[in-house]
Amino acid sequence: MVNLKKIKKNLRTKDAFRSRILDVVRGIPKGAVLTYKEVARLAGNEKAARAVGAVLRRNYNSEIPCHRVIKTDGTFGGYNRGIENKAAILKKEGYRATVNSL
């Protein structure tokens, strides 16, 4: 038998975590970056770095600066508008790339 209350609770929990991820990313200032792991920790689940990537991969709202989230090793990671665009936007915003992010 399907437990609809449990399914609805799980969906609400996922939506709440997604909202917290987007709120954290929205708060990253120009010229700064956070890692996927840091975003996950600030959103309430430090082990959910992959979930952060999944949420950001599906985000097409230009008001959410997804380009300001990078991998723990300093590389840029993914970006739905292409890595070259991510690098260009970060540079324009004043982010100073390390050797690892190139």
PDB file of N, CA and C in Angstrom:
ATOM      1  N   MET A   1       0.839  -1.180   0.000  1.00  0.00           N
ATOM      2  CA  MET A   1       0.000   0.000   0.000  1.00  0.00           C
ATOM      3  C   MET A   1       0.889   1.250   0.000  1.00  0.00           C
ATOM      4  N   VAL A   2       0.530   2.227  -0.779  1.00  0.00           N
ATOM      5  CA  VAL A   2       1.297   3.459  -0.912  1.00  0.00           C
ATOM      6  C   VAL A   2       0.927   4.414   0.221  1.00  0.00           C
ATOM      7  N   ASN A   3       1.960   4.939   0.886  1.00  0.00           N
ATOM      8  CA  ASN A   3       1.749   5.885   1.968  1.00  0.00           C
ATOM      9  C   ASN A   3       1.878   7.305   1.409  1.00  0.00           C
ATOM     10  N   LEU A   4       0.744   7.897   1.044  1.00  0.00           N
ATOM     11  CA  LEU A   4       0.750   9.224   0.427  1.00  0.00           C
ATOM     12  C   LEU A   4       1.267  10.307   1.365  1.00  0.00           C
ATOM     13  N   LYS A   5       0.997  10.181   2.661  1.00  0.00           N
ATOM     14  CA  LYS A   5       1.498  11.175   3.613  1.00  0.00           C
ATOM     15  C   LYS A   5       3.020  11.195   3.626  1.00  0.00           C
ATOM     16  N   LYS A   6       3.612  10.012   3.584  1.00  0.00           N
ATOM     17  CA  LYS A   6       5.075   9.920   3.592  1.00  0.00           C
ATOM     18  C   LYS A   6       5.653  10.497   2.295  1.00  0.00           C
ATOM     19  N   ILE A   7       5.021  10.212   1.173  1.00  0.00           N
ATOM     20  CA  ILE A   7       5.478  10.745  -0.116  1.00  0.00           C
ATOM     21  C   ILE A   7       5.386  12.270  -0.114  1.00  0.00           C
ATOM     22  N   LYS A   8       4.264  12.809   0.358  1.00  0.00           N
ATOM     23  CA  LYS A   8       4.100  14.267   0.403  1.00  0.00           C
ATOM     24  C   LYS A   8       5.129  14.911   1.319  1.00  0.00           C
ATOM     25  N   LYS A   9       5.408  14.271   2.465  1.00  0.00           N
ATOM     26  CA  LYS A   9       6.413  14.796   3.391  1.00  0.00           C
ATOM     27  C   LYS A   9       7.789  14.803   2.731  1.00  0.00           C
ATOM     28  N   ASN A  10       8.137  13.727   2.037  1.00  0.00           N
ATOM     29  CA  ASN A  10       9.428  13.656   1.346  1.00  0.00           C
ATOM     30  C   ASN A  10       9.539  14.737   0.278  1.00  0.00           C
ATOM     31  N   LEU A  11       8.465  14.978  -0.454  1.00  0.00           N
ATOM     32  CA  LEU A  11       8.479  16.022  -1.480  1.00  0.00           C
ATOM     33  C   LEU A  11       8.652  17.401  -0.860  1.00  0.00           C
ATOM     34  N   ARG A  12       7.969  17.641   0.259  1.00  0.00           N
ATOM     35  CA  ARG A  12       8.120  18.930   0.949  1.00  0.00           C
ATOM     36  C   ARG A  12       9.549  19.106   1.443  1.00  0.00           C
ATOM     37  N   THR A  13      10.139  18.041   1.969  1.00  0.00           N
ATOM     38  CA  THR A  13      11.512  18.093   2.461  1.00  0.00           C
ATOM     39  C   THR A  13      12.470  18.402   1.318  1.00  0.00           C
ATOM     40  N   LYS A  14      12.287  17.742   0.175  1.00  0.00           N
ATOM     41  CA  LYS A  14      13.148  17.987  -0.987  1.00  0.00           C
ATOM     42  C   LYS A  14      12.970  19.412  -1.500  1.00  0.00           C
ATOM     43  N   ASP A  15      11.733  19.889  -1.557  1.00  0.00           N
ATOM     44  CA  ASP A  15      11.479  21.259  -2.007  1.00  0.00           C
ATOM     45  C   ASP A  15      12.112  22.269  -1.055  1.00  0.00           C
ATOM     46  N   ALA A  16      12.055  21.992   0.251  1.00  0.00           N
ATOM     47  CA  ALA A  16      12.646  22.898   1.234  1.00  0.00           C
ATOM     48  C   ALA A  16      14.164  22.935   1.076  1.00  0.00           C
ATOM     49  N   PHE A  17      14.786  21.776   0.875  1.00  0.00           N
ATOM     50  CA  PHE A  17      16.238  21.733   0.691  1.00  0.00           C
ATOM     51  C   PHE A  17      16.624  22.444  -0.600  1.00  0.00           C
ATOM     52  N   ARG A  18      15.870  22.224  -1.653  1.00  0.00           N
ATOM     53  CA  ARG A  18      16.120  22.909  -2.928  1.00  0.00           C
ATOM     54  C   ARG A  18      16.048  24.420  -2.733  1.00  0.00           C
ATOM     55  N   SER A  19      15.049  24.886  -2.013  1.00  0.00           N
ATOM     56  CA  SER A  19      14.902  26.319  -1.751  1.00  0.00           C
ATOM     57  C   SER A  19      16.080  26.863  -0.958  1.00  0.00           C
ATOM     58  N   ARG A  20      16.546  26.089   0.030  1.00  0.00           N
ATOM     59  CA  ARG A  20      17.696  26.533   0.823  1.00  0.00           C
ATOM     60  C   ARG A  20      18.945  26.611  -0.044  1.00  0.00           C
ATOM     61  N   ILE A  21      19.132  25.644  -0.947  1.00  0.00           N
ATOM     62  CA  ILE A  21      20.277  25.673  -1.870  1.00  0.00           C
ATOM     63  C   ILE A  21      20.235  26.951  -2.695  1.00  0.00           C
ATOM     64  N   LEU A  22      19.090  27.235  -3.281  1.00  0.00           N
ATOM     65  CA  LEU A  22      18.961  28.422  -4.129  1.00  0.00           C
ATOM     66  C   LEU A  22      19.157  29.705  -3.326  1.00  0.00           C
ATOM     67  N   ASP A  23      18.699  29.721  -2.081  1.00  0.00           N
ATOM     68  CA  ASP A  23      18.907  30.894  -1.225  1.00  0.00           C
ATOM     69  C   ASP A  23      20.392  31.111  -0.938  1.00  0.00           C
ATOM     70  N   VAL A  24      21.107  30.021  -0.651  1.00  0.00           N
ATOM     71  CA  VAL A  24      22.545  30.122  -0.390  1.00  0.00           C
ATOM     72  C   VAL A  24      23.257  30.664  -1.622  1.00  0.00           C
ATOM     73  N   VAL A  25      22.964  30.089  -2.777  1.00  0.00           N
ATOM     74  CA  VAL A  25      23.634  30.501  -4.014  1.00  0.00           C
ATOM     75  C   VAL A  25      23.282  31.946  -4.350  1.00  0.00           C
ATOM     76  N   ARG A  26      22.048  32.325  -4.131  1.00  0.00           N
ATOM     77  CA  ARG A  26      21.616  33.700  -4.392  1.00  0.00           C
ATOM     78  C   ARG A  26      22.432  34.691  -3.551  1.00  0.00           C
ATOM     79  N   GLY A  27      22.908  34.251  -2.399  1.00  0.00           N
ATOM     80  CA  GLY A  27      23.656  35.122  -1.494  1.00  0.00           C
ATOM     81  C   GLY A  27      25.146  35.219  -1.765  1.00  0.00           C
ATOM     82  N   ILE A  28      25.665  34.480  -2.748  1.00  0.00           N
ATOM     83  CA  ILE A  28      27.100  34.553  -3.053  1.00  0.00           C
ATOM     84  C   ILE A  28      27.362  35.868  -3.788  1.00  0.00           C
ATOM     85  N   PRO A  29      28.222  36.723  -3.234  1.00  0.00           N
ATOM     86  CA  PRO A  29      28.466  38.017  -3.886  1.00  0.00           C
ATOM     87  C   PRO A  29      29.337  37.904  -5.133  1.00  0.00           C
ATOM     88  N   LYS A  30      29.266  38.912  -5.974  1.00  0.00           N
ATOM     89  CA  LYS A  30      30.114  38.962  -7.171  1.00  0.00           C
ATOM     90  C   LYS A  30      31.580  38.896  -6.751  1.00  0.00           C
ATOM     91  N   GLY A  31      32.364  38.164  -7.533  1.00  0.00           N
ATOM     92  CA  GLY A  31      33.785  38.031  -7.255  1.00  0.00           C
ATOM     93  C   GLY A  31      34.119  36.933  -6.270  1.00  0.00           C
ATOM     94  N   ALA A  32      33.098  36.290  -5.711  1.00  0.00           N
ATOM     95  CA  ALA A  32      33.302  35.211  -4.744  1.00  0.00           C
ATOM     96  C   ALA A  32      32.718  33.918  -5.290  1.00  0.00           C
ATOM     97  N   VAL A  33      33.180  32.812  -4.755  1.00  0.00           N
ATOM     98  CA  VAL A  33      32.635  31.504  -5.112  1.00  0.00           C
ATOM     99  C   VAL A  33      32.484  30.665  -3.853  1.00  0.00           C
ATOM    100  N   LEU A  34      31.638  29.669  -3.924  1.00  0.00           N
ATOM    101  CA  LEU A  34      31.536  28.618  -2.920  1.00  0.00           C
ATOM    102  C   LEU A  34      31.655  27.296  -3.650  1.00  0.00           C
ATOM    103  N   THR A  35      32.062  26.264  -2.932  1.00  0.00           N
ATOM    104  CA  THR A  35      32.087  24.932  -3.532  1.00  0.00           C
ATOM    105  C   THR A  35      30.708  24.293  -3.377  1.00  0.00           C
ATOM    106  N   TYR A  36      30.470  23.258  -4.164  1.00  0.00           N
ATOM    107  CA  TYR A  36      29.214  22.513  -4.046  1.00  0.00           C
ATOM    108  C   TYR A  36      29.049  22.003  -2.617  1.00  0.00           C
ATOM    109  N   LYS A  37      30.153  21.548  -2.015  1.00  0.00           N
ATOM    110  CA  LYS A  37      30.115  21.026  -0.648  1.00  0.00           C
ATOM    111  C   LYS A  37      29.771  22.134   0.353  1.00  0.00           C
ATOM    112  N   GLU A  38      30.341  23.324   0.167  1.00  0.00           N
ATOM    113  CA  GLU A  38      30.033  24.445   1.062  1.00  0.00           C
ATOM    114  C   GLU A  38      28.567  24.845   0.946  1.00  0.00           C
ATOM    115  N   VAL A  39      28.046  24.864  -0.267  1.00  0.00           N
ATOM    116  CA  VAL A  39      26.629  25.193  -0.457  1.00  0.00           C
ATOM    117  C   VAL A  39      25.763  24.155   0.248  1.00  0.00           C
ATOM    118  N   ALA A  40      26.111  22.884   0.089  1.00  0.00           N
ATOM    119  CA  ALA A  40      25.348  21.815   0.744  1.00  0.00           C
ATOM    120  C   ALA A  40      25.359  21.996   2.260  1.00  0.00           C
ATOM    121  N   ARG A  41      26.536  22.283   2.823  1.00  0.00           N
ATOM    122  CA  ARG A  41      26.655  22.476   4.275  1.00  0.00           C
ATOM    123  C   ARG A  41      25.807  23.664   4.727  1.00  0.00           C
ATOM    124  N   LEU A  42      25.909  24.772   4.023  1.00  0.00           N
ATOM    125  CA  LEU A  42      25.142  25.963   4.393  1.00  0.00           C
ATOM    126  C   LEU A  42      23.637  25.765   4.219  1.00  0.00           C
ATOM    127  N   ALA A  43      23.260  24.871   3.313  1.00  0.00           N
ATOM    128  CA  ALA A  43      21.836  24.572   3.093  1.00  0.00           C
ATOM    129  C   ALA A  43      21.311  23.533   4.078  1.00  0.00           C
ATOM    130  N   GLY A  44      22.221  22.937   4.861  1.00  0.00           N
ATOM    131  CA  GLY A  44      21.766  22.032   5.909  1.00  0.00           C
ATOM    132  C   GLY A  44      22.118  20.575   5.768  1.00  0.00           C
ATOM    133  N   ASN A  45      22.879  20.195   4.727  1.00  0.00           N
ATOM    134  CA  ASN A  45      23.257  18.788   4.571  1.00  0.00           C
ATOM    135  C   ASN A  45      24.608  18.709   3.868  1.00  0.00           C
ATOM    136  N   GLU A  46      25.677  18.693   4.652  1.00  0.00           N
ATOM    137  CA  GLU A  46      27.023  18.752   4.075  1.00  0.00           C
ATOM    138  C   GLU A  46      27.368  17.570   3.182  1.00  0.00           C
ATOM    139  N   LYS A  47      26.600  16.501   3.249  1.00  0.00           N
ATOM    140  CA  LYS A  47      26.862  15.325   2.414  1.00  0.00           C
ATOM    141  C   LYS A  47      26.092  15.364   1.095  1.00  0.00           C
ATOM    142  N   ALA A  48      25.442  16.473   0.801  1.00  0.00           N
ATOM    143  CA  ALA A  48      24.569  16.551  -0.372  1.00  0.00           C
ATOM    144  C   ALA A  48      25.149  17.408  -1.497  1.00  0.00           C
ATOM    145  N   ALA A  49      26.470  17.381  -1.669  1.00  0.00           N
ATOM    146  CA  ALA A  49      27.096  18.181  -2.729  1.00  0.00           C
ATOM    147  C   ALA A  49      26.564  17.797  -4.108  1.00  0.00           C
ATOM    148  N   ARG A  50      26.342  16.515  -4.334  1.00  0.00           N
ATOM    149  CA  ARG A  50      25.805  16.080  -5.633  1.00  0.00           C
ATOM    150  C   ARG A  50      24.382  16.591  -5.846  1.00  0.00           C
ATOM    151  N   ALA A  51      23.618  16.640  -4.770  1.00  0.00           N
ATOM    152  CA  ALA A  51      22.256  17.182  -4.873  1.00  0.00           C
ATOM    153  C   ALA A  51      22.302  18.665  -5.240  1.00  0.00           C
ATOM    154  N   VAL A  52      23.281  19.380  -4.708  1.00  0.00           N
ATOM    155  CA  VAL A  52      23.455  20.790  -5.069  1.00  0.00           C
ATOM    156  C   VAL A  52      23.690  20.901  -6.570  1.00  0.00           C
ATOM    157  N   GLY A  53      24.589  20.068  -7.092  1.00  0.00           N
ATOM    158  CA  GLY A  53      24.856  20.067  -8.532  1.00  0.00           C
ATOM    159  C   GLY A  53      23.607  19.773  -9.341  1.00  0.00           C
ATOM    160  N   ALA A  54      22.813  18.816  -8.869  1.00  0.00           N
ATOM    161  CA  ALA A  54      21.585  18.456  -9.590  1.00  0.00           C
ATOM    162  C   ALA A  54      20.589  19.612  -9.597  1.00  0.00           C
ATOM    163  N   VAL A  55      20.448  20.291  -8.470  1.00  0.00           N
ATOM    164  CA  VAL A  55      19.530  21.436  -8.397  1.00  0.00           C
ATOM    165  C   VAL A  55      20.003  22.551  -9.325  1.00  0.00           C
ATOM    166  N   LEU A  56      21.293  22.849  -9.281  1.00  0.00           N
ATOM    167  CA  LEU A  56      21.819  23.945 -10.099  1.00  0.00           C
ATOM    168  C   LEU A  56      21.793  23.610 -11.583  1.00  0.00           C
ATOM    169  N   ARG A  57      21.975  22.350 -11.905  1.00  0.00           N
ATOM    170  CA  ARG A  57      21.935  21.920 -13.309  1.00  0.00           C
ATOM    171  C   ARG A  57      20.553  22.171 -13.915  1.00  0.00           C
ATOM    172  N   ARG A  58      19.523  22.106 -13.092  1.00  0.00           N
ATOM    173  CA  ARG A  58      18.148  22.293 -13.571  1.00  0.00           C
ATOM    174  C   ARG A  58      17.668  23.739 -13.449  1.00  0.00           C
ATOM    175  N   ASN A  59      18.524  24.611 -12.969  1.00  0.00           N
ATOM    176  CA  ASN A  59      18.133  26.001 -12.759  1.00  0.00           C
ATOM    177  C   ASN A  59      18.472  26.844 -13.985  1.00  0.00           C
ATOM    178  N   TYR A  60      17.485  27.509 -14.531  1.00  0.00           N
ATOM    179  CA  TYR A  60      17.710  28.402 -15.669  1.00  0.00           C
ATOM    180  C   TYR A  60      17.323  29.839 -15.328  1.00  0.00           C
ATOM    181  N   ASN A  61      17.133  30.114 -14.050  1.00  0.00           N
ATOM    182  CA  ASN A  61      16.793  31.453 -13.588  1.00  0.00           C
ATOM    183  C   ASN A  61      18.086  32.262 -13.491  1.00  0.00           C
ATOM    184  N   SER A  62      18.225  33.281 -14.309  1.00  0.00           N
ATOM    185  CA  SER A  62      19.463  34.060 -14.342  1.00  0.00           C
ATOM    186  C   SER A  62      19.694  34.860 -13.061  1.00  0.00           C
ATOM    187  N   GLU A  63      18.684  34.962 -12.207  1.00  0.00           N
ATOM    188  CA  GLU A  63      18.855  35.656 -10.928  1.00  0.00           C
ATOM    189  C   GLU A  63      19.577  34.797  -9.895  1.00  0.00           C
ATOM    190  N   ILE A  64      19.719  33.515 -10.173  1.00  0.00           N
ATOM    191  CA  ILE A  64      20.458  32.604  -9.297  1.00  0.00           C
ATOM    192  C   ILE A  64      21.847  32.439  -9.906  1.00  0.00           C
ATOM    193  N   PRO A  65      22.896  32.966  -9.272  1.00  0.00           N
ATOM    194  CA  PRO A  65      24.233  32.938  -9.869  1.00  0.00           C
ATOM    195  C   PRO A  65      24.931  31.582  -9.727  1.00  0.00           C
ATOM    196  N   CYS A  66      24.420  30.597 -10.436  1.00  0.00           N
ATOM    197  CA  CYS A  66      24.969  29.238 -10.375  1.00  0.00           C
ATOM    198  C   CYS A  66      26.442  29.192 -10.763  1.00  0.00           C
ATOM    199  N   HIS A  67      26.868  30.140 -11.584  1.00  0.00           N
ATOM    200  CA  HIS A  67      28.260  30.167 -12.037  1.00  0.00           C
ATOM    201  C   HIS A  67      29.231  30.418 -10.884  1.00  0.00           C
ATOM    202  N   ARG A  68      28.747  30.829  -9.732  1.00  0.00           N
ATOM    203  CA  ARG A  68      29.607  31.105  -8.580  1.00  0.00           C
ATOM    204  C   ARG A  68      29.830  29.883  -7.701  1.00  0.00           C
ATOM    205  N   VAL A  69      29.428  28.724  -8.177  1.00  0.00           N
ATOM    206  CA  VAL A  69      29.643  27.478  -7.436  1.00  0.00           C
ATOM    207  C   VAL A  69      30.644  26.635  -8.210  1.00  0.00           C
ATOM    208  N   ILE A  70      31.708  26.214  -7.506  1.00  0.00           N
ATOM    209  CA  ILE A  70      32.779  25.452  -8.141  1.00  0.00           C
ATOM    210  C   ILE A  70      33.027  24.154  -7.373  1.00  0.00           C
ATOM    211  N   LYS A  71      33.868  23.320  -7.937  1.00  0.00           N
ATOM    212  CA  LYS A  71      34.213  22.050  -7.296  1.00  0.00           C
ATOM    213  C   LYS A  71      35.220  22.285  -6.167  1.00  0.00           C
ATOM    214  N   THR A  72      35.296  21.349  -5.245  1.00  0.00           N
ATOM    215  CA  THR A  72      36.194  21.449  -4.101  1.00  0.00           C
ATOM    216  C   THR A  72      37.653  21.561  -4.518  1.00  0.00           C
ATOM    217  N   ASP A  73      38.015  20.951  -5.639  1.00  0.00           N
ATOM    218  CA  ASP A  73      39.413  21.004  -6.090  1.00  0.00           C
ATOM    219  C   ASP A  73      39.757  22.314  -6.794  1.00  0.00           C
ATOM    220  N   GLY A  74      38.811  23.235  -6.872  1.00  0.00           N
ATOM    221  CA  GLY A  74      39.056  24.532  -7.486  1.00  0.00           C
ATOM    222  C   GLY A  74      38.707  24.611  -8.959  1.00  0.00           C
ATOM    223  N   THR A  75      38.383  23.475  -9.575  1.00  0.00           N
ATOM    224  CA  THR A  75      37.979  23.513 -10.979  1.00  0.00           C
ATOM    225  C   THR A  75      36.536  24.000 -11.063  1.00  0.00           C
ATOM    226  N   PHE A  76      36.160  24.446 -12.239  1.00  0.00           N
ATOM    227  CA  PHE A  76      34.863  25.089 -12.383  1.00  0.00           C
ATOM    228  C   PHE A  76      33.670  24.147 -12.285  1.00  0.00           C
ATOM    229  N   GLY A  77      33.804  22.909 -12.644  1.00  0.00           N
ATOM    230  CA  GLY A  77      32.654  22.015 -12.643  1.00  0.00           C
ATOM    231  C   GLY A  77      31.727  22.342 -13.799  1.00  0.00           C
ATOM    232  N   GLY A  78      30.486  21.961 -13.680  1.00  0.00           N
ATOM    233  CA  GLY A  78      29.545  22.158 -14.777  1.00  0.00           C
ATOM    234  C   GLY A  78      28.895  23.527 -14.772  1.00  0.00           C
ATOM    235  N   TYR A  79      28.257  23.833 -15.895  1.00  0.00           N
ATOM    236  CA  TYR A  79      27.480  25.061 -16.038  1.00  0.00           C
ATOM    237  C   TYR A  79      26.614  24.888 -17.269  1.00  0.00           C
ATOM    238  N   ASN A  80      25.310  25.129 -17.123  1.00  0.00           N
ATOM    239  CA  ASN A  80      24.392  24.838 -18.226  1.00  0.00           C
ATOM    240  C   ASN A  80      24.576  25.753 -19.438  1.00  0.00           C
ATOM    241  N   ARG A  81      25.357  26.802 -19.307  1.00  0.00           N
ATOM    242  CA  ARG A  81      25.644  27.677 -20.453  1.00  0.00           C
ATOM    243  C   ARG A  81      27.071  27.491 -20.963  1.00  0.00           C
ATOM    244  N   GLY A  82      27.757  26.454 -20.466  1.00  0.00           N
ATOM    245  CA  GLY A  82      29.106  26.132 -20.923  1.00  0.00           C
ATOM    246  C   GLY A  82      30.190  26.661 -19.999  1.00  0.00           C
ATOM    247  N   ILE A  83      31.245  25.876 -19.862  1.00  0.00           N
ATOM    248  CA  ILE A  83      32.355  26.219 -18.976  1.00  0.00           C
ATOM    249  C   ILE A  83      33.030  27.525 -19.403  1.00  0.00           C
ATOM    250  N   GLU A  84      33.160  27.734 -20.702  1.00  0.00           N
ATOM    251  CA  GLU A  84      33.802  28.962 -21.178  1.00  0.00           C
ATOM    252  C   GLU A  84      33.021  30.192 -20.717  1.00  0.00           C
ATOM    253  N   ASN A  85      31.702  30.120 -20.786  1.00  0.00           N
ATOM    254  CA  ASN A  85      30.868  31.228 -20.311  1.00  0.00           C
ATOM    255  C   ASN A  85      31.001  31.410 -18.806  1.00  0.00           C
ATOM    256  N   LYS A  86      31.058  30.300 -18.081  1.00  0.00           N
ATOM    257  CA  LYS A  86      31.216  30.369 -16.631  1.00  0.00           C
ATOM    258  C   LYS A  86      32.514  31.092 -16.293  1.00  0.00           C
ATOM    259  N   ALA A  87      33.604  30.709 -16.955  1.00  0.00           N
ATOM    260  CA  ALA A  87      34.904  31.334 -16.710  1.00  0.00           C
ATOM    261  C   ALA A  87      34.868  32.824 -17.049  1.00  0.00           C
ATOM    262  N   ALA A  88      34.246  33.169 -18.164  1.00  0.00           N
ATOM    263  CA  ALA A  88      34.181  34.573 -18.591  1.00  0.00           C
ATOM    264  C   ALA A  88      33.368  35.418 -17.611  1.00  0.00           C
ATOM    265  N   ILE A  89      32.250  34.879 -17.151  1.00  0.00           N
ATOM    266  CA  ILE A  89      31.403  35.621 -16.205  1.00  0.00           C
ATOM    267  C   ILE A  89      32.143  35.831 -14.888  1.00  0.00           C
ATOM    268  N   LEU A  90      32.783  34.769 -14.384  1.00  0.00           N
ATOM    269  CA  LEU A  90      33.522  34.893 -13.129  1.00  0.00           C
ATOM    270  C   LEU A  90      34.650  35.914 -13.247  1.00  0.00           C
ATOM    271  N   LYS A  91      35.346  35.887 -14.366  1.00  0.00           N
ATOM    272  CA  LYS A  91      36.433  36.848 -14.584  1.00  0.00           C
ATOM    273  C   LYS A  91      35.890  38.273 -14.611  1.00  0.00           C
ATOM    274  N   LYS A  92      34.785  38.470 -15.309  1.00  0.00           N
ATOM    275  CA  LYS A  92      34.163  39.794 -15.399  1.00  0.00           C
ATOM    276  C   LYS A  92      33.728  40.296 -14.021  1.00  0.00           C
ATOM    277  N   GLU A  93      33.298  39.368 -13.163  1.00  0.00           N
ATOM    278  CA  GLU A  93      32.858  39.729 -11.814  1.00  0.00           C
ATOM    279  C   GLU A  93      34.022  39.961 -10.851  1.00  0.00           C
ATOM    280  N   GLY A  94      35.251  39.654 -11.306  1.00  0.00           N
ATOM    281  CA  GLY A  94      36.412  39.901 -10.463  1.00  0.00           C
ATOM    282  C   GLY A  94      36.966  38.692  -9.749  1.00  0.00           C
ATOM    283  N   TYR A  95      36.454  37.503 -10.061  1.00  0.00           N
ATOM    284  CA  TYR A  95      36.994  36.290  -9.437  1.00  0.00           C
ATOM    285  C   TYR A  95      38.372  36.014 -10.007  1.00  0.00           C
ATOM    286  N   ARG A  96      39.318  35.793  -9.124  1.00  0.00           N
ATOM    287  CA  ARG A  96      40.682  35.477  -9.543  1.00  0.00           C
ATOM    288  C   ARG A  96      40.857  33.971  -9.504  1.00  0.00           C
ATOM    289  N   ALA A  97      40.936  33.385 -10.671  1.00  0.00           N
ATOM    290  CA  ALA A  97      41.059  31.932 -10.793  1.00  0.00           C
ATOM    291  C   ALA A  97      42.421  31.475 -10.302  1.00  0.00           C
ATOM    292  N   THR A  98      42.425  30.313  -9.670  1.00  0.00           N
ATOM    293  CA  THR A  98      43.684  29.689  -9.279  1.00  0.00           C
ATOM    294  C   THR A  98      44.146  28.803 -10.418  1.00  0.00           C
ATOM    295  N   VAL A  99      45.342  28.263 -10.299  1.00  0.00           N
ATOM    296  CA  VAL A  99      45.867  27.366 -11.331  1.00  0.00           C
ATOM    297  C   VAL A  99      44.928  26.184 -11.527  1.00  0.00           C
ATOM    298  N   ASN A 100      44.350  25.656 -10.433  1.00  0.00           N
ATOM    299  CA  ASN A 100      43.464  24.495 -10.516  1.00  0.00           C
ATOM    300  C   ASN A 100      42.202  24.758 -11.316  1.00  0.00           C
ATOM    301  N   SER A 101      41.726  25.988 -11.318  1.00  0.00           N
ATOM    302  CA  SER A 101      40.445  26.263 -11.974  1.00  0.00           C
ATOM    303  C   SER A 101      40.580  26.485 -13.472  1.00  0.00           C
ATOM    304  N   LEU A 102      41.791  26.547 -13.964  1.00  0.00           N
ATOM    305  CA  LEU A 102      41.993  26.764 -15.398  1.00  0.00           C
ATOM    306  C   LEU A 102      41.887  25.483 -16.178  1.00  0.00           C
TER     307      LEU A 102
END
